[in-house]
N, C-alpha and C. Protein backbone atom coordinates (compact mmCIF):
# COMPACT_ATOMS: atom_id res chain seq x y z
N UNK A 1 124.19 126.92 113.23
CA UNK A 1 124.42 125.47 113.17
C UNK A 1 123.82 124.91 111.89
N UNK A 2 124.48 123.95 111.27
CA UNK A 2 124.03 123.42 109.99
C UNK A 2 122.68 122.72 110.16
N UNK A 3 121.88 122.81 109.09
CA UNK A 3 120.52 122.28 109.13
C UNK A 3 120.50 120.79 109.44
N UNK A 4 121.41 120.04 108.86
CA UNK A 4 121.45 118.59 109.07
C UNK A 4 121.64 118.27 110.54
N UNK A 5 122.56 118.99 111.19
CA UNK A 5 122.81 118.73 112.61
C UNK A 5 121.66 119.24 113.48
N UNK A 6 121.01 120.31 113.06
CA UNK A 6 119.84 120.80 113.80
C UNK A 6 118.73 119.75 113.78
N UNK A 7 118.53 119.15 112.61
CA UNK A 7 117.50 118.12 112.48
C UNK A 7 117.83 116.94 113.39
N UNK A 8 119.08 116.55 113.40
CA UNK A 8 119.49 115.43 114.25
C UNK A 8 119.26 115.76 115.72
N UNK A 9 119.59 116.98 116.12
CA UNK A 9 119.39 117.41 117.51
C UNK A 9 117.91 117.41 117.86
N UNK A 10 117.09 117.87 116.93
CA UNK A 10 115.65 117.90 117.14
C UNK A 10 115.11 116.49 117.38
N UNK A 11 115.54 115.57 116.55
CA UNK A 11 115.09 114.18 116.70
C UNK A 11 115.48 113.63 118.06
N UNK A 12 116.72 113.84 118.45
CA UNK A 12 117.21 113.29 119.71
C UNK A 12 116.47 113.89 120.91
N UNK A 13 116.21 115.19 120.88
CA UNK A 13 115.55 115.84 122.01
C UNK A 13 114.08 115.47 122.11
N UNK A 14 113.40 115.49 120.95
CA UNK A 14 111.96 115.28 120.96
C UNK A 14 111.58 113.85 121.28
N UNK A 15 112.40 112.91 120.85
CA UNK A 15 112.01 111.51 120.97
C UNK A 15 112.89 110.71 121.93
N UNK A 16 113.64 111.40 122.75
CA UNK A 16 114.55 110.71 123.65
C UNK A 16 113.82 109.75 124.56
N UNK A 17 112.66 110.16 125.06
CA UNK A 17 111.92 109.30 125.98
C UNK A 17 110.90 108.41 125.25
N UNK A 18 110.06 109.08 124.45
CA UNK A 18 108.90 108.36 123.92
C UNK A 18 109.18 107.33 122.86
N UNK A 19 110.32 107.42 122.16
CA UNK A 19 110.49 106.53 121.02
C UNK A 19 111.16 105.20 121.37
N UNK A 20 111.50 105.02 122.64
CA UNK A 20 112.24 103.81 123.02
C UNK A 20 111.47 102.53 122.68
N UNK A 21 110.18 102.54 122.88
CA UNK A 21 109.40 101.32 122.63
C UNK A 21 109.20 101.06 121.15
N UNK A 22 109.52 102.07 120.31
CA UNK A 22 109.39 101.88 118.87
C UNK A 22 110.73 101.59 118.19
N UNK A 23 111.82 101.89 118.88
CA UNK A 23 113.14 101.78 118.25
C UNK A 23 113.52 100.35 117.92
N UNK A 24 112.88 99.38 118.58
CA UNK A 24 113.21 97.97 118.31
C UNK A 24 112.44 97.42 117.12
N UNK A 25 111.49 98.18 116.60
CA UNK A 25 110.71 97.72 115.45
C UNK A 25 111.56 97.74 114.18
N UNK A 26 111.28 96.83 113.27
CA UNK A 26 111.97 96.84 111.98
C UNK A 26 111.45 98.00 111.13
N UNK A 27 112.13 98.27 110.03
CA UNK A 27 111.70 99.34 109.13
C UNK A 27 110.27 99.10 108.65
N UNK A 28 109.99 97.88 108.25
CA UNK A 28 108.66 97.57 107.70
C UNK A 28 107.58 97.65 108.77
N UNK A 29 107.94 97.28 110.00
CA UNK A 29 106.98 97.40 111.09
C UNK A 29 106.67 98.87 111.39
N UNK A 30 107.70 99.71 111.33
CA UNK A 30 107.48 101.15 111.52
C UNK A 30 106.58 101.72 110.43
N UNK A 31 106.85 101.31 109.20
CA UNK A 31 106.05 101.79 108.07
C UNK A 31 104.61 101.34 108.20
N UNK A 32 104.41 100.09 108.63
CA UNK A 32 103.06 99.57 108.82
C UNK A 32 102.34 100.35 109.92
N UNK A 33 103.05 100.66 111.01
CA UNK A 33 102.46 101.46 112.08
C UNK A 33 102.02 102.82 111.54
N UNK A 34 102.87 103.40 110.70
CA UNK A 34 102.52 104.72 110.16
C UNK A 34 101.27 104.64 109.29
N UNK A 35 101.19 103.62 108.44
CA UNK A 35 100.04 103.49 107.55
C UNK A 35 98.75 103.23 108.32
N UNK A 36 98.88 102.52 109.43
CA UNK A 36 97.69 102.15 110.20
C UNK A 36 97.23 103.25 111.15
N UNK A 37 98.20 103.98 111.72
CA UNK A 37 97.81 104.94 112.77
C UNK A 37 98.54 106.28 112.68
N UNK A 38 99.20 106.54 111.52
CA UNK A 38 99.97 107.78 111.34
C UNK A 38 100.94 107.98 112.52
N UNK A 39 101.67 106.93 112.82
CA UNK A 39 102.53 106.92 114.00
C UNK A 39 103.56 108.05 113.97
N UNK A 40 103.63 108.81 115.05
CA UNK A 40 104.45 110.01 115.15
C UNK A 40 105.94 109.73 115.08
N UNK A 41 106.37 108.53 115.47
CA UNK A 41 107.79 108.24 115.61
C UNK A 41 108.41 107.63 114.36
N UNK A 42 107.61 107.28 113.36
CA UNK A 42 108.11 106.55 112.20
C UNK A 42 109.18 107.32 111.44
N UNK A 43 108.87 108.52 110.97
CA UNK A 43 109.79 109.27 110.13
C UNK A 43 111.07 109.66 110.89
N UNK A 44 110.97 110.18 112.12
CA UNK A 44 112.20 110.49 112.86
C UNK A 44 113.09 109.27 113.10
N UNK A 45 112.48 108.11 113.38
CA UNK A 45 113.29 106.91 113.59
C UNK A 45 113.96 106.47 112.29
N UNK A 46 113.24 106.56 111.19
CA UNK A 46 113.85 106.22 109.89
C UNK A 46 114.97 107.22 109.57
N UNK A 47 114.76 108.46 109.95
CA UNK A 47 115.81 109.47 109.76
C UNK A 47 117.05 109.12 110.59
N UNK A 48 116.82 108.72 111.84
CA UNK A 48 117.94 108.33 112.70
C UNK A 48 118.74 107.20 112.09
N UNK A 49 118.03 106.24 111.48
CA UNK A 49 118.69 105.05 110.92
C UNK A 49 119.40 105.34 109.60
N UNK A 50 118.78 106.18 108.77
CA UNK A 50 119.27 106.31 107.40
C UNK A 50 119.62 107.73 106.97
N UNK A 51 119.47 108.71 107.85
CA UNK A 51 119.76 110.09 107.47
C UNK A 51 121.18 110.27 106.97
N UNK A 52 122.15 109.64 107.65
CA UNK A 52 123.55 109.79 107.25
C UNK A 52 123.83 109.11 105.92
N UNK A 53 123.14 108.00 105.64
CA UNK A 53 123.33 107.30 104.38
C UNK A 53 122.74 108.10 103.22
N UNK A 54 121.57 108.68 103.45
CA UNK A 54 120.95 109.52 102.42
C UNK A 54 121.82 110.73 102.13
N UNK A 55 122.32 111.36 103.20
CA UNK A 55 123.19 112.52 103.02
C UNK A 55 124.44 112.13 102.23
N UNK A 56 125.03 111.00 102.55
CA UNK A 56 126.22 110.54 101.85
C UNK A 56 125.97 110.31 100.38
N UNK A 57 124.82 109.72 100.06
CA UNK A 57 124.45 109.48 98.66
C UNK A 57 124.25 110.80 97.93
N UNK A 58 123.60 111.75 98.60
CA UNK A 58 123.37 113.07 98.00
C UNK A 58 124.68 113.79 97.73
N UNK A 59 125.62 113.69 98.66
CA UNK A 59 126.93 114.31 98.46
C UNK A 59 127.64 113.69 97.26
N UNK A 60 127.52 112.37 97.12
CA UNK A 60 128.15 111.67 96.00
C UNK A 60 127.63 112.19 94.66
N UNK A 61 126.32 112.43 94.58
CA UNK A 61 125.72 112.87 93.32
C UNK A 61 125.83 114.39 93.11
N UNK A 62 125.60 115.15 94.17
CA UNK A 62 125.46 116.60 94.03
C UNK A 62 126.77 117.35 94.27
N UNK A 63 127.73 116.71 94.95
CA UNK A 63 129.06 117.27 95.21
C UNK A 63 129.05 118.37 96.27
N UNK A 64 128.10 119.28 96.24
CA UNK A 64 128.05 120.38 97.19
C UNK A 64 127.30 119.95 98.46
N UNK A 65 127.92 120.20 99.61
CA UNK A 65 127.32 119.77 100.88
C UNK A 65 125.97 120.44 101.13
N UNK A 66 125.90 121.75 100.82
CA UNK A 66 124.66 122.48 101.07
C UNK A 66 123.51 121.90 100.25
N UNK A 67 123.76 121.59 98.99
CA UNK A 67 122.73 120.99 98.14
C UNK A 67 122.35 119.61 98.64
N UNK A 68 123.34 118.86 99.08
CA UNK A 68 123.07 117.51 99.61
C UNK A 68 122.23 117.58 100.87
N UNK A 69 122.53 118.55 101.72
CA UNK A 69 121.80 118.74 102.97
C UNK A 69 120.34 119.12 102.69
N UNK A 70 120.13 120.05 101.77
CA UNK A 70 118.78 120.48 101.41
C UNK A 70 117.98 119.33 100.83
N UNK A 71 118.62 118.54 99.98
CA UNK A 71 117.92 117.42 99.33
C UNK A 71 117.58 116.34 100.35
N UNK A 72 118.48 116.11 101.30
CA UNK A 72 118.21 115.13 102.37
C UNK A 72 116.99 115.56 103.18
N UNK A 73 116.90 116.84 103.52
CA UNK A 73 115.76 117.34 104.27
C UNK A 73 114.47 117.23 103.45
N UNK A 74 114.58 117.47 102.16
CA UNK A 74 113.42 117.36 101.28
C UNK A 74 112.91 115.92 101.23
N UNK A 75 113.84 114.99 101.12
CA UNK A 75 113.48 113.57 101.04
C UNK A 75 112.72 113.13 102.29
N UNK A 76 113.26 113.46 103.47
CA UNK A 76 112.60 113.04 104.71
C UNK A 76 111.36 113.87 104.99
N UNK A 77 111.33 115.09 104.49
CA UNK A 77 110.14 115.92 104.65
C UNK A 77 108.95 115.40 103.87
N UNK A 78 109.23 114.72 102.76
CA UNK A 78 108.16 114.18 101.91
C UNK A 78 108.01 112.67 102.05
N UNK A 79 108.78 112.07 102.94
CA UNK A 79 108.81 110.62 103.04
C UNK A 79 107.46 110.03 103.43
N UNK A 80 106.73 110.72 104.30
CA UNK A 80 105.42 110.20 104.72
C UNK A 80 104.46 110.06 103.55
N UNK A 81 104.48 111.01 102.62
CA UNK A 81 103.59 110.94 101.46
C UNK A 81 103.97 109.78 100.55
N UNK A 82 105.27 109.56 100.37
CA UNK A 82 105.74 108.46 99.51
C UNK A 82 105.43 107.11 100.14
N UNK A 83 105.59 107.03 101.46
CA UNK A 83 105.30 105.77 102.17
C UNK A 83 103.84 105.37 101.98
N UNK A 84 102.96 106.35 102.02
CA UNK A 84 101.52 106.08 101.89
C UNK A 84 101.17 105.55 100.49
N UNK A 85 101.95 105.96 99.49
CA UNK A 85 101.62 105.62 98.10
C UNK A 85 102.22 104.29 97.63
N UNK A 86 103.28 103.81 98.30
CA UNK A 86 104.00 102.65 97.80
C UNK A 86 103.89 101.45 98.74
N UNK A 87 103.88 100.28 98.12
CA UNK A 87 103.95 99.03 98.88
C UNK A 87 105.43 98.66 98.97
N UNK A 88 106.03 98.87 100.11
CA UNK A 88 107.48 98.74 100.27
C UNK A 88 107.81 97.41 100.94
N UNK A 89 108.72 96.66 100.31
CA UNK A 89 109.14 95.38 100.89
C UNK A 89 110.57 95.45 101.44
N UNK A 90 111.41 96.25 100.80
CA UNK A 90 112.81 96.38 101.23
C UNK A 90 113.11 97.88 101.32
N UNK A 91 112.95 98.42 102.52
CA UNK A 91 112.97 99.88 102.67
C UNK A 91 114.30 100.50 102.27
N UNK A 92 115.42 99.90 102.65
CA UNK A 92 116.72 100.51 102.38
C UNK A 92 116.97 100.66 100.88
N UNK A 93 116.67 99.62 100.12
CA UNK A 93 116.84 99.69 98.66
C UNK A 93 115.88 100.70 98.05
N UNK A 94 114.65 100.73 98.55
CA UNK A 94 113.65 101.68 98.05
C UNK A 94 114.07 103.12 98.35
N UNK A 95 114.60 103.35 99.55
CA UNK A 95 115.04 104.70 99.93
C UNK A 95 116.22 105.14 99.08
N UNK A 96 117.10 104.21 98.74
CA UNK A 96 118.24 104.55 97.88
C UNK A 96 117.74 105.04 96.52
N UNK A 97 116.73 104.38 95.97
CA UNK A 97 116.20 104.79 94.67
C UNK A 97 115.51 106.15 94.77
N UNK A 98 114.77 106.36 95.85
CA UNK A 98 114.13 107.67 96.07
C UNK A 98 115.19 108.77 96.13
N UNK A 99 116.27 108.50 96.85
CA UNK A 99 117.35 109.47 96.99
C UNK A 99 118.00 109.76 95.64
N UNK A 100 118.29 108.71 94.89
CA UNK A 100 118.91 108.87 93.58
C UNK A 100 118.02 109.69 92.66
N UNK A 101 116.73 109.41 92.66
CA UNK A 101 115.80 110.15 91.80
C UNK A 101 115.76 111.63 92.17
N UNK A 102 115.75 111.93 93.47
CA UNK A 102 115.72 113.32 93.91
C UNK A 102 117.00 114.05 93.50
N UNK A 103 118.13 113.36 93.57
CA UNK A 103 119.39 113.97 93.15
C UNK A 103 119.38 114.28 91.66
N UNK A 104 118.87 113.35 90.86
CA UNK A 104 118.82 113.56 89.41
C UNK A 104 117.88 114.71 89.06
N UNK A 105 116.76 114.79 89.77
CA UNK A 105 115.83 115.90 89.55
C UNK A 105 116.52 117.23 89.88
N UNK A 106 117.24 117.26 90.99
CA UNK A 106 117.95 118.48 91.39
C UNK A 106 118.98 118.88 90.34
N UNK A 107 119.73 117.91 89.84
CA UNK A 107 120.77 118.19 88.85
C UNK A 107 120.16 118.71 87.55
N UNK A 108 119.03 118.16 87.16
CA UNK A 108 118.37 118.62 85.93
C UNK A 108 117.88 120.05 86.09
N UNK A 109 117.28 120.34 87.24
CA UNK A 109 116.82 121.71 87.48
C UNK A 109 117.98 122.69 87.50
N UNK A 110 119.07 122.28 88.12
CA UNK A 110 120.25 123.12 88.20
C UNK A 110 120.83 123.39 86.82
N UNK A 111 120.83 122.36 85.99
CA UNK A 111 121.34 122.50 84.62
C UNK A 111 120.47 123.45 83.82
N UNK A 112 119.16 123.37 84.03
CA UNK A 112 118.22 124.24 83.32
C UNK A 112 118.42 125.70 83.72
N UNK A 113 118.66 125.92 85.03
CA UNK A 113 118.86 127.29 85.52
C UNK A 113 120.17 127.87 85.00
N UNK A 114 121.21 127.05 85.01
CA UNK A 114 122.53 127.55 84.63
C UNK A 114 122.65 127.78 83.13
N UNK A 115 121.92 127.01 82.33
CA UNK A 115 122.01 127.14 80.88
C UNK A 115 120.63 127.43 80.32
N UNK A 116 120.28 128.72 80.13
CA UNK A 116 118.96 129.09 79.60
C UNK A 116 118.68 128.39 78.28
N UNK A 117 117.40 128.15 78.02
CA UNK A 117 117.01 127.39 76.85
C UNK A 117 117.42 128.07 75.55
N UNK A 118 117.41 129.41 75.51
CA UNK A 118 117.78 130.08 74.28
C UNK A 118 119.26 129.89 73.95
N UNK A 119 120.10 129.72 75.02
CA UNK A 119 121.51 129.46 74.79
C UNK A 119 121.71 128.06 74.22
N UNK A 120 120.93 127.09 74.70
CA UNK A 120 121.01 125.74 74.15
C UNK A 120 120.66 125.74 72.68
N UNK A 121 119.63 126.48 72.32
CA UNK A 121 119.20 126.51 70.92
C UNK A 121 120.25 127.16 70.03
N UNK A 122 120.95 128.15 70.55
CA UNK A 122 121.96 128.84 69.76
C UNK A 122 123.23 128.00 69.63
N UNK A 123 123.57 127.27 70.67
CA UNK A 123 124.84 126.56 70.70
C UNK A 123 124.78 125.19 70.04
N UNK A 124 123.63 124.55 70.03
CA UNK A 124 123.54 123.17 69.54
C UNK A 124 122.96 123.12 68.14
N UNK A 125 123.46 122.18 67.38
CA UNK A 125 122.87 121.92 66.07
C UNK A 125 121.50 121.29 66.26
N UNK A 126 120.56 121.48 65.30
CA UNK A 126 119.21 120.94 65.44
C UNK A 126 119.20 119.43 65.70
N UNK A 127 120.03 118.67 65.00
CA UNK A 127 120.04 117.22 65.16
C UNK A 127 120.49 116.85 66.57
N UNK A 128 121.53 117.55 67.07
CA UNK A 128 122.03 117.26 68.40
C UNK A 128 120.95 117.55 69.45
N UNK A 129 120.21 118.65 69.29
CA UNK A 129 119.16 118.99 70.24
C UNK A 129 118.06 117.93 70.23
N UNK A 130 117.69 117.49 69.05
CA UNK A 130 116.64 116.47 68.94
C UNK A 130 117.09 115.16 69.58
N UNK A 131 118.33 114.77 69.36
CA UNK A 131 118.84 113.52 69.94
C UNK A 131 118.91 113.63 71.46
N UNK A 132 119.36 114.79 71.95
CA UNK A 132 119.44 115.00 73.39
C UNK A 132 118.05 114.95 74.03
N UNK A 133 117.09 115.60 73.39
CA UNK A 133 115.73 115.60 73.90
C UNK A 133 115.16 114.19 73.92
N UNK A 134 115.45 113.43 72.87
CA UNK A 134 114.94 112.06 72.80
C UNK A 134 115.54 111.21 73.91
N UNK A 135 116.83 111.40 74.18
CA UNK A 135 117.46 110.65 75.28
C UNK A 135 116.83 111.00 76.62
N UNK A 136 116.58 112.30 76.83
CA UNK A 136 115.97 112.74 78.07
C UNK A 136 114.57 112.15 78.24
N UNK A 137 113.81 112.13 77.16
CA UNK A 137 112.46 111.58 77.22
C UNK A 137 112.48 110.09 77.53
N UNK A 138 113.43 109.37 76.90
CA UNK A 138 113.54 107.93 77.15
C UNK A 138 113.94 107.66 78.59
N UNK A 139 114.86 108.48 79.11
CA UNK A 139 115.29 108.31 80.50
C UNK A 139 114.14 108.55 81.46
N UNK A 140 113.39 109.61 81.21
CA UNK A 140 112.24 109.92 82.06
C UNK A 140 111.20 108.80 82.00
N UNK A 141 110.96 108.30 80.79
CA UNK A 141 109.99 107.23 80.61
C UNK A 141 110.46 105.94 81.30
N UNK A 142 111.76 105.68 81.23
CA UNK A 142 112.31 104.49 81.88
C UNK A 142 112.14 104.58 83.39
N UNK A 143 112.39 105.76 83.96
CA UNK A 143 112.21 105.95 85.40
C UNK A 143 110.76 105.72 85.80
N UNK A 144 109.84 106.18 84.96
CA UNK A 144 108.41 105.96 85.23
C UNK A 144 108.07 104.47 85.14
N UNK A 145 108.64 103.82 84.13
CA UNK A 145 108.34 102.41 83.91
C UNK A 145 108.80 101.55 85.08
N UNK A 146 109.98 101.86 85.62
CA UNK A 146 110.52 101.08 86.74
C UNK A 146 109.58 101.11 87.93
N UNK A 147 108.94 102.26 88.16
CA UNK A 147 108.03 102.38 89.30
C UNK A 147 106.76 101.55 89.14
N UNK A 148 106.48 101.08 87.91
CA UNK A 148 105.29 100.27 87.66
C UNK A 148 105.58 98.76 87.73
N UNK A 149 106.82 98.40 87.97
CA UNK A 149 107.15 96.99 88.11
C UNK A 149 106.66 96.45 89.45
N UNK A 150 106.50 95.14 89.52
CA UNK A 150 106.23 94.51 90.80
C UNK A 150 107.43 94.78 91.71
N UNK A 151 107.19 94.84 93.00
CA UNK A 151 108.22 95.26 93.95
C UNK A 151 109.49 94.42 93.84
N UNK A 152 109.35 93.11 93.75
CA UNK A 152 110.52 92.24 93.68
C UNK A 152 111.30 92.48 92.40
N UNK A 153 110.60 92.65 91.27
CA UNK A 153 111.27 92.91 90.00
C UNK A 153 112.00 94.25 90.05
N UNK A 154 111.34 95.27 90.59
CA UNK A 154 111.94 96.60 90.64
C UNK A 154 113.21 96.61 91.47
N UNK A 155 113.15 95.98 92.64
CA UNK A 155 114.31 95.98 93.52
C UNK A 155 115.48 95.22 92.89
N UNK A 156 115.20 94.07 92.28
CA UNK A 156 116.26 93.28 91.64
C UNK A 156 116.88 94.04 90.47
N UNK A 157 116.03 94.69 89.68
CA UNK A 157 116.52 95.50 88.55
C UNK A 157 117.43 96.62 89.06
N UNK A 158 116.99 97.32 90.11
CA UNK A 158 117.77 98.44 90.65
C UNK A 158 119.10 97.96 91.22
N UNK A 159 119.08 96.85 91.95
CA UNK A 159 120.32 96.34 92.54
C UNK A 159 121.28 95.86 91.46
N UNK A 160 120.75 95.24 90.41
CA UNK A 160 121.59 94.67 89.35
C UNK A 160 122.19 95.75 88.46
N UNK A 161 121.36 96.71 88.03
CA UNK A 161 121.81 97.70 87.07
C UNK A 161 122.34 98.99 87.71
N UNK A 162 121.70 99.43 88.80
CA UNK A 162 122.10 100.70 89.42
C UNK A 162 123.23 100.53 90.44
N UNK A 163 123.19 99.42 91.17
CA UNK A 163 124.22 99.19 92.18
C UNK A 163 125.26 98.16 91.76
N UNK A 164 125.11 97.65 90.54
CA UNK A 164 126.10 96.74 89.93
C UNK A 164 126.35 95.51 90.79
N UNK A 165 125.30 94.97 91.38
CA UNK A 165 125.43 93.76 92.18
C UNK A 165 125.22 92.52 91.32
N UNK A 166 125.88 91.44 91.67
CA UNK A 166 125.73 90.18 90.94
C UNK A 166 124.45 89.47 91.35
N UNK A 167 124.07 88.46 90.58
CA UNK A 167 122.89 87.66 90.93
C UNK A 167 123.03 87.10 92.35
N UNK A 168 124.21 86.58 92.65
CA UNK A 168 124.43 85.95 93.95
C UNK A 168 124.35 86.98 95.08
N UNK A 169 124.92 88.17 94.86
CA UNK A 169 124.87 89.21 95.88
C UNK A 169 123.44 89.65 96.16
N UNK A 170 122.64 89.74 95.10
CA UNK A 170 121.23 90.11 95.27
C UNK A 170 120.49 89.02 96.02
N UNK A 171 120.78 87.77 95.65
CA UNK A 171 120.16 86.63 96.32
C UNK A 171 120.46 86.65 97.81
N UNK A 172 121.71 86.91 98.15
CA UNK A 172 122.12 86.95 99.56
C UNK A 172 121.48 88.13 100.30
N UNK A 173 121.45 89.29 99.65
CA UNK A 173 120.94 90.51 100.30
C UNK A 173 119.44 90.41 100.55
N UNK A 174 118.70 89.87 99.58
CA UNK A 174 117.25 89.79 99.71
C UNK A 174 116.77 88.48 100.32
N UNK A 175 117.72 87.54 100.49
CA UNK A 175 117.39 86.23 101.05
C UNK A 175 116.33 85.51 100.22
N UNK A 176 116.56 85.48 98.91
CA UNK A 176 115.68 84.76 98.00
C UNK A 176 116.54 83.87 97.09
N UNK A 177 115.96 82.79 96.53
CA UNK A 177 116.75 81.88 95.68
C UNK A 177 117.37 82.58 94.48
N UNK A 178 118.50 82.05 94.03
CA UNK A 178 119.21 82.62 92.89
C UNK A 178 118.33 82.63 91.64
N UNK A 179 117.60 81.55 91.41
CA UNK A 179 116.73 81.47 90.24
C UNK A 179 115.61 82.52 90.29
N UNK A 180 115.17 82.84 91.49
CA UNK A 180 114.14 83.88 91.65
C UNK A 180 114.68 85.24 91.24
N UNK A 181 115.94 85.50 91.59
CA UNK A 181 116.59 86.75 91.20
C UNK A 181 116.68 86.84 89.68
N UNK A 182 117.18 85.78 89.05
CA UNK A 182 117.32 85.77 87.59
C UNK A 182 115.98 85.95 86.91
N UNK A 183 114.97 85.26 87.43
CA UNK A 183 113.63 85.36 86.85
C UNK A 183 113.06 86.76 87.01
N UNK A 184 113.26 87.35 88.20
CA UNK A 184 112.74 88.70 88.46
C UNK A 184 113.38 89.72 87.52
N UNK A 185 114.67 89.59 87.26
CA UNK A 185 115.37 90.52 86.37
C UNK A 185 114.91 90.33 84.92
N UNK A 186 114.80 89.09 84.49
CA UNK A 186 114.35 88.83 83.11
C UNK A 186 112.92 89.31 82.90
N UNK A 187 112.04 88.97 83.84
CA UNK A 187 110.65 89.40 83.73
C UNK A 187 110.53 90.92 83.86
N UNK A 188 111.36 91.50 84.73
CA UNK A 188 111.35 92.95 84.89
C UNK A 188 111.76 93.65 83.61
N UNK A 189 112.80 93.14 82.94
CA UNK A 189 113.24 93.73 81.67
C UNK A 189 112.14 93.63 80.62
N UNK A 190 111.49 92.48 80.58
CA UNK A 190 110.41 92.30 79.61
C UNK A 190 109.25 93.24 79.89
N UNK A 191 108.89 93.39 81.15
CA UNK A 191 107.78 94.27 81.52
C UNK A 191 108.12 95.74 81.29
N UNK A 192 109.39 96.10 81.49
CA UNK A 192 109.81 97.46 81.19
C UNK A 192 109.62 97.77 79.71
N UNK A 193 110.04 96.82 78.87
CA UNK A 193 109.91 97.01 77.43
C UNK A 193 108.44 97.12 77.02
N UNK A 194 107.60 96.26 77.59
CA UNK A 194 106.18 96.29 77.27
C UNK A 194 105.56 97.62 77.69
N UNK A 195 105.89 98.07 78.91
CA UNK A 195 105.31 99.32 79.41
C UNK A 195 105.74 100.50 78.55
N UNK A 196 107.01 100.55 78.21
CA UNK A 196 107.52 101.68 77.43
C UNK A 196 106.93 101.70 76.01
N UNK A 197 106.79 100.50 75.43
CA UNK A 197 106.20 100.43 74.08
C UNK A 197 104.73 100.83 74.10
N UNK A 198 104.04 100.48 75.18
CA UNK A 198 102.61 100.80 75.26
C UNK A 198 102.38 102.28 75.56
N UNK A 199 103.43 102.98 75.98
CA UNK A 199 103.30 104.41 76.29
C UNK A 199 104.02 105.30 75.28
N UNK A 200 104.38 104.71 74.16
CA UNK A 200 104.97 105.52 73.10
C UNK A 200 103.91 106.40 72.49
N UNK A 201 104.30 107.63 72.19
CA UNK A 201 103.34 108.59 71.62
C UNK A 201 103.24 108.39 70.12
């Protein structure tokens, strides 16, 4: 039986009785319970709610079902550690970014395995290699910078640029004023630039 379905079966069997009183809690309430008391039901309930969405996103990026399944299990397997480290205000948007980052990491590792470094050096001109490396470094630095933004700025930036949502759509989704969205994106862009410039080697 496929791993994804085994995990789902495990969740349903193990928590069929005990998780009923927790299933009505919101995502943030579950996360708060976990941070306060290492609540046993938090991760399985979040998996029940979002496992299929994470798997779907992984399939979109990775194309292969087996890779998507493995990455989904990895994400939920490490979710407790990430929850402890981050102040999360909008779990679904935050989980989407975590999923996207894991997919990109997987693709980069896969590319490295499939194309040994000595082949890259032989096939590419020196200038092309330097430009490619510079782009990779900037992308990595940008991903790091985004994680240092205030939560509201980070979420608005991700929704606007990564999910191609309009100001109004973000305002409606987060239930915040339109001007707050515009301000968060402008301030987020400025803070990204400041952070990246301050971390230039």
